[in-house]
Amino acid sequence: MDEQGLLTTKVPRALEMKSKLFGYEMPDLLLIFMNLAVTNLIFGGTSYRYPLIWGTTLGIALFLYLSKRGKPDNYLQHLGEFIGQPAYRAAGGSDKQYRRFRKDKE
């Protein structure tokens, strides 16, 4: 009988790693390409189309690249949520989002 080793396959080291393309997360790429599409739709027929379309797109891409370098995933989203939160929270305040799951039958 011919002895064979255990069958193995290669798997990624981090299964929950986010997909990135050119160092950008997918929502960032969506923002960049949406800006490219909308500005091309609006300013595509003007004589200033190159600075308005490509300038703003490259500006957004550079801003995202430089501001997120070395930061965790979804950094700008979490920063926006943190800035949007109130600075003061009352411990005894009422919960505005609370809803009863079901009404008790009487």
N, C-alpha and C. Protein backbone atom coordinates (compact mmCIF):
# COMPACT_ATOMS: atom_id res chain seq x y z
N MET A 1 0.82 -1.18 0.00
CA MET A 1 0.00 0.00 0.00
C MET A 1 0.86 1.24 0.00
N ASP A 2 0.44 2.20 -0.80
CA ASP A 2 1.16 3.47 -0.88
C ASP A 2 0.67 4.39 0.23
N GLU A 3 1.58 4.84 1.06
CA GLU A 3 1.20 5.71 2.16
C GLU A 3 1.17 7.14 1.70
N GLN A 4 0.05 7.82 1.99
CA GLN A 4 -0.09 9.23 1.65
C GLN A 4 -0.22 10.03 2.93
N GLY A 5 0.22 11.25 2.87
CA GLY A 5 0.11 12.12 4.03
C GLY A 5 -1.31 12.64 4.18
N LEU A 6 -1.51 13.32 5.23
CA LEU A 6 -2.80 13.92 5.51
C LEU A 6 -3.09 14.99 4.47
N LEU A 7 -4.29 14.99 3.91
CA LEU A 7 -4.66 16.00 2.93
C LEU A 7 -4.89 17.33 3.62
N THR A 8 -4.23 18.35 3.17
CA THR A 8 -4.35 19.68 3.78
C THR A 8 -4.62 20.71 2.70
N THR A 9 -5.20 21.82 3.11
CA THR A 9 -5.41 22.96 2.22
C THR A 9 -4.95 24.21 2.93
N LYS A 10 -4.58 25.21 2.14
CA LYS A 10 -4.16 26.48 2.72
C LYS A 10 -5.38 27.34 2.99
N VAL A 11 -5.40 27.98 4.13
CA VAL A 11 -6.48 28.90 4.50
C VAL A 11 -5.86 30.23 4.91
N PRO A 12 -6.60 31.31 4.78
CA PRO A 12 -6.07 32.60 5.23
C PRO A 12 -5.84 32.60 6.74
N ARG A 13 -4.84 33.36 7.17
CA ARG A 13 -4.53 33.43 8.60
C ARG A 13 -5.60 34.18 9.37
N ALA A 14 -6.18 35.19 8.76
CA ALA A 14 -7.22 35.99 9.42
C ALA A 14 -8.50 35.87 8.60
N LEU A 15 -9.42 35.07 9.05
CA LEU A 15 -10.63 34.82 8.28
C LEU A 15 -11.56 36.03 8.26
N GLU A 16 -11.48 36.87 9.28
CA GLU A 16 -12.37 38.01 9.34
C GLU A 16 -11.72 39.29 8.86
N MET A 17 -10.66 39.19 8.10
CA MET A 17 -9.98 40.37 7.59
C MET A 17 -10.85 41.02 6.51
N LYS A 18 -10.93 42.34 6.55
CA LYS A 18 -11.75 43.08 5.60
C LYS A 18 -11.10 43.05 4.22
N SER A 19 -11.95 43.06 3.20
CA SER A 19 -11.45 43.13 1.83
C SER A 19 -11.00 44.56 1.54
N LYS A 20 -9.82 44.68 1.00
CA LYS A 20 -9.29 45.99 0.65
C LYS A 20 -8.78 45.94 -0.77
N LEU A 21 -8.88 47.07 -1.44
CA LEU A 21 -8.39 47.21 -2.80
C LEU A 21 -7.60 48.50 -2.86
N PHE A 22 -6.33 48.42 -3.19
CA PHE A 22 -5.41 49.56 -3.22
C PHE A 22 -5.32 50.25 -1.86
N GLY A 23 -5.53 49.50 -0.77
CA GLY A 23 -5.44 50.07 0.56
C GLY A 23 -6.72 50.74 1.03
N TYR A 24 -7.79 50.69 0.25
CA TYR A 24 -9.06 51.31 0.61
C TYR A 24 -10.08 50.23 0.96
N GLU A 25 -10.90 50.51 1.97
CA GLU A 25 -12.00 49.62 2.29
C GLU A 25 -13.10 49.80 1.25
N MET A 26 -14.02 48.87 1.19
CA MET A 26 -15.07 48.92 0.17
C MET A 26 -15.98 50.15 0.30
N PRO A 27 -16.38 50.58 1.51
CA PRO A 27 -17.18 51.82 1.58
C PRO A 27 -16.41 53.04 1.09
N ASP A 28 -15.10 53.07 1.30
CA ASP A 28 -14.29 54.18 0.80
C ASP A 28 -14.27 54.20 -0.72
N LEU A 29 -14.11 53.02 -1.31
CA LEU A 29 -14.13 52.95 -2.77
C LEU A 29 -15.49 53.35 -3.33
N LEU A 30 -16.55 52.97 -2.63
CA LEU A 30 -17.89 53.37 -3.06
C LEU A 30 -18.03 54.89 -3.04
N LEU A 31 -17.52 55.54 -2.00
CA LEU A 31 -17.56 56.99 -1.91
C LEU A 31 -16.75 57.63 -3.04
N ILE A 32 -15.57 57.11 -3.31
CA ILE A 32 -14.71 57.67 -4.35
C ILE A 32 -15.37 57.55 -5.72
N PHE A 33 -15.89 56.37 -6.03
CA PHE A 33 -16.50 56.17 -7.35
C PHE A 33 -17.85 56.87 -7.49
N MET A 34 -18.58 57.02 -6.38
CA MET A 34 -19.83 57.80 -6.45
C MET A 34 -19.52 59.26 -6.72
N ASN A 35 -18.48 59.79 -6.09
CA ASN A 35 -18.07 61.16 -6.37
C ASN A 35 -17.66 61.31 -7.83
N LEU A 36 -16.93 60.36 -8.34
CA LEU A 36 -16.49 60.40 -9.73
C LEU A 36 -17.69 60.38 -10.67
N ALA A 37 -18.67 59.54 -10.39
CA ALA A 37 -19.84 59.44 -11.25
C ALA A 37 -20.72 60.69 -11.20
N VAL A 38 -20.97 61.19 -10.00
CA VAL A 38 -21.87 62.35 -9.85
C VAL A 38 -21.23 63.61 -10.42
N THR A 39 -19.96 63.83 -10.14
CA THR A 39 -19.32 65.02 -10.69
C THR A 39 -19.18 64.93 -12.20
N ASN A 40 -18.99 63.74 -12.74
CA ASN A 40 -18.94 63.57 -14.19
C ASN A 40 -20.32 63.84 -14.80
N LEU A 41 -21.36 63.43 -14.11
CA LEU A 41 -22.72 63.69 -14.60
C LEU A 41 -23.02 65.18 -14.60
N ILE A 42 -22.60 65.88 -13.57
CA ILE A 42 -22.92 67.30 -13.44
C ILE A 42 -21.98 68.17 -14.28
N PHE A 43 -20.69 67.93 -14.17
CA PHE A 43 -19.71 68.80 -14.79
C PHE A 43 -19.05 68.21 -16.03
N GLY A 44 -19.55 67.10 -16.54
CA GLY A 44 -18.92 66.43 -17.67
C GLY A 44 -18.92 67.24 -18.95
N GLY A 45 -19.88 68.13 -19.14
CA GLY A 45 -19.96 68.91 -20.37
C GLY A 45 -19.33 70.28 -20.28
N THR A 46 -18.76 70.62 -19.15
CA THR A 46 -18.17 71.95 -18.99
C THR A 46 -16.70 71.94 -19.37
N SER A 47 -16.14 73.13 -19.50
CA SER A 47 -14.72 73.23 -19.84
C SER A 47 -13.82 72.98 -18.63
N TYR A 48 -14.38 72.99 -17.43
CA TYR A 48 -13.61 72.74 -16.21
C TYR A 48 -13.77 71.31 -15.72
N ARG A 49 -14.10 70.40 -16.62
CA ARG A 49 -14.42 69.05 -16.18
C ARG A 49 -13.23 68.32 -15.57
N TYR A 50 -12.04 68.52 -16.08
CA TYR A 50 -10.89 67.78 -15.54
C TYR A 50 -10.54 68.21 -14.12
N PRO A 51 -10.44 69.50 -13.82
CA PRO A 51 -10.13 69.82 -12.41
C PRO A 51 -11.29 69.51 -11.47
N LEU A 52 -12.53 69.68 -11.93
CA LEU A 52 -13.66 69.44 -11.05
C LEU A 52 -13.90 67.95 -10.82
N ILE A 53 -13.79 67.16 -11.86
CA ILE A 53 -14.07 65.73 -11.72
C ILE A 53 -12.88 65.00 -11.09
N TRP A 54 -11.73 65.10 -11.74
CA TRP A 54 -10.57 64.36 -11.26
C TRP A 54 -9.94 65.00 -10.04
N GLY A 55 -10.00 66.31 -9.94
CA GLY A 55 -9.42 66.98 -8.77
C GLY A 55 -10.13 66.62 -7.48
N THR A 56 -11.47 66.68 -7.51
CA THR A 56 -12.21 66.33 -6.29
C THR A 56 -12.07 64.84 -5.97
N THR A 57 -12.06 64.00 -7.00
CA THR A 57 -11.93 62.56 -6.75
C THR A 57 -10.56 62.24 -6.16
N LEU A 58 -9.51 62.81 -6.72
CA LEU A 58 -8.17 62.58 -6.17
C LEU A 58 -8.03 63.20 -4.78
N GLY A 59 -8.68 64.34 -4.56
CA GLY A 59 -8.65 64.96 -3.24
C GLY A 59 -9.30 64.09 -2.18
N ILE A 60 -10.46 63.53 -2.51
CA ILE A 60 -11.14 62.63 -1.56
C ILE A 60 -10.31 61.38 -1.33
N ALA A 61 -9.74 60.82 -2.39
CA ALA A 61 -8.92 59.61 -2.25
C ALA A 61 -7.70 59.88 -1.38
N LEU A 62 -7.03 61.00 -1.60
CA LEU A 62 -5.86 61.34 -0.78
C LEU A 62 -6.25 61.60 0.67
N PHE A 63 -7.36 62.31 0.88
CA PHE A 63 -7.82 62.56 2.25
C PHE A 63 -8.11 61.26 2.97
N LEU A 64 -8.82 60.34 2.32
CA LEU A 64 -9.13 59.06 2.96
C LEU A 64 -7.87 58.25 3.23
N TYR A 65 -6.96 58.25 2.28
CA TYR A 65 -5.72 57.48 2.45
C TYR A 65 -4.89 58.02 3.60
N LEU A 66 -4.72 59.33 3.65
CA LEU A 66 -3.86 59.92 4.68
C LEU A 66 -4.52 59.92 6.06
N SER A 67 -5.83 60.12 6.11
CA SER A 67 -6.50 60.18 7.41
C SER A 67 -6.71 58.81 8.03
N LYS A 68 -6.73 57.75 7.23
CA LYS A 68 -6.98 56.42 7.76
C LYS A 68 -5.73 55.56 7.85
N ARG A 69 -4.59 56.10 7.49
CA ARG A 69 -3.37 55.31 7.52
C ARG A 69 -3.00 55.00 8.96
N GLY A 70 -2.83 53.71 9.27
CA GLY A 70 -2.46 53.28 10.61
C GLY A 70 -3.62 53.23 11.59
N LYS A 71 -4.82 53.45 11.13
CA LYS A 71 -6.01 53.44 12.00
C LYS A 71 -6.77 52.12 11.80
N PRO A 72 -7.62 51.74 12.75
CA PRO A 72 -8.40 50.50 12.60
C PRO A 72 -9.49 50.64 11.54
N ASP A 73 -10.11 49.53 11.20
CA ASP A 73 -11.19 49.52 10.21
C ASP A 73 -12.34 50.39 10.66
N ASN A 74 -13.00 51.04 9.72
CA ASN A 74 -14.16 51.91 9.96
C ASN A 74 -13.83 53.05 10.93
N TYR A 75 -12.63 53.55 10.87
CA TYR A 75 -12.20 54.60 11.80
C TYR A 75 -13.01 55.87 11.64
N LEU A 76 -13.21 56.33 10.42
CA LEU A 76 -13.94 57.58 10.22
C LEU A 76 -15.41 57.47 10.61
N GLN A 77 -16.00 56.31 10.39
CA GLN A 77 -17.39 56.10 10.80
C GLN A 77 -17.51 56.17 12.32
N HIS A 78 -16.61 55.52 13.02
CA HIS A 78 -16.67 55.55 14.48
C HIS A 78 -16.33 56.93 15.02
N LEU A 79 -15.43 57.65 14.37
CA LEU A 79 -15.11 59.00 14.79
C LEU A 79 -16.32 59.91 14.63
N GLY A 80 -17.04 59.78 13.52
CA GLY A 80 -18.25 60.57 13.31
C GLY A 80 -19.33 60.26 14.33
N GLU A 81 -19.49 58.99 14.68
CA GLU A 81 -20.46 58.61 15.71
C GLU A 81 -20.06 59.17 17.07
N PHE A 82 -18.77 59.16 17.37
CA PHE A 82 -18.29 59.69 18.65
C PHE A 82 -18.52 61.19 18.73
N ILE A 83 -18.24 61.91 17.65
CA ILE A 83 -18.44 63.36 17.64
C ILE A 83 -19.92 63.71 17.73
N GLY A 84 -20.77 62.89 17.13
CA GLY A 84 -22.20 63.16 17.13
C GLY A 84 -22.91 62.83 18.44
N GLN A 85 -22.24 62.13 19.34
CA GLN A 85 -22.86 61.77 20.61
C GLN A 85 -22.92 62.99 21.52
N PRO A 86 -23.92 63.03 22.40
CA PRO A 86 -23.96 64.15 23.35
C PRO A 86 -22.80 64.07 24.34
N ALA A 87 -22.36 65.23 24.78
CA ALA A 87 -21.25 65.27 25.72
C ALA A 87 -21.70 64.95 27.14
N TYR A 88 -22.97 65.13 27.42
CA TYR A 88 -23.49 64.92 28.78
C TYR A 88 -24.62 63.90 28.70
N ARG A 89 -24.55 62.89 29.55
CA ARG A 89 -25.60 61.87 29.62
C ARG A 89 -26.12 61.80 31.05
N ALA A 90 -27.42 61.88 31.18
CA ALA A 90 -28.03 61.80 32.51
C ALA A 90 -28.28 60.34 32.85
N ALA A 91 -27.83 59.93 34.03
CA ALA A 91 -27.98 58.53 34.43
C ALA A 91 -29.43 58.18 34.70
N GLY A 92 -30.22 59.14 35.19
CA GLY A 92 -31.61 58.85 35.52
C GLY A 92 -32.58 59.27 34.43
N GLY A 93 -32.09 59.59 33.26
CA GLY A 93 -32.95 60.05 32.18
C GLY A 93 -33.77 58.91 31.59
N SER A 94 -34.87 59.27 30.94
CA SER A 94 -35.73 58.25 30.35
C SER A 94 -35.11 57.77 29.04
N ASP A 95 -35.38 56.51 28.72
CA ASP A 95 -34.88 55.92 27.49
C ASP A 95 -35.90 56.17 26.39
N LYS A 96 -35.52 56.95 25.39
CA LYS A 96 -36.45 57.32 24.33
C LYS A 96 -36.62 56.21 23.30
N GLN A 97 -35.72 55.26 23.26
CA GLN A 97 -35.80 54.20 22.27
C GLN A 97 -36.43 52.93 22.82
N TYR A 98 -36.77 52.90 24.10
CA TYR A 98 -37.33 51.69 24.70
C TYR A 98 -38.76 51.49 24.25
N ARG A 99 -39.06 50.27 23.83
CA ARG A 99 -40.43 49.88 23.51
C ARG A 99 -40.68 48.52 24.12
N ARG A 100 -41.88 48.31 24.62
CA ARG A 100 -42.22 47.02 25.19
C ARG A 100 -42.28 45.99 24.07
N PHE A 101 -41.82 44.80 24.37
CA PHE A 101 -41.83 43.74 23.37
C PHE A 101 -43.25 43.32 23.01
N ARG A 102 -44.09 43.20 24.03
CA ARG A 102 -45.50 42.87 23.80
C ARG A 102 -46.32 43.41 24.95
N LYS A 103 -47.56 43.62 24.69
CA LYS A 103 -48.44 44.09 25.75
C LYS A 103 -48.92 42.91 26.58
N ASP A 104 -48.96 43.13 27.88
CA ASP A 104 -49.48 42.08 28.77
C ASP A 104 -51.00 42.01 28.65
N LYS A 105 -51.50 40.78 28.59
CA LYS A 105 -52.95 40.60 28.54
C LYS A 105 -53.53 40.69 29.93
N GLU A 106 -54.57 41.46 30.07
CA GLU A 106 -55.17 41.63 31.41
C GLU A 106 -56.47 40.90 31.50
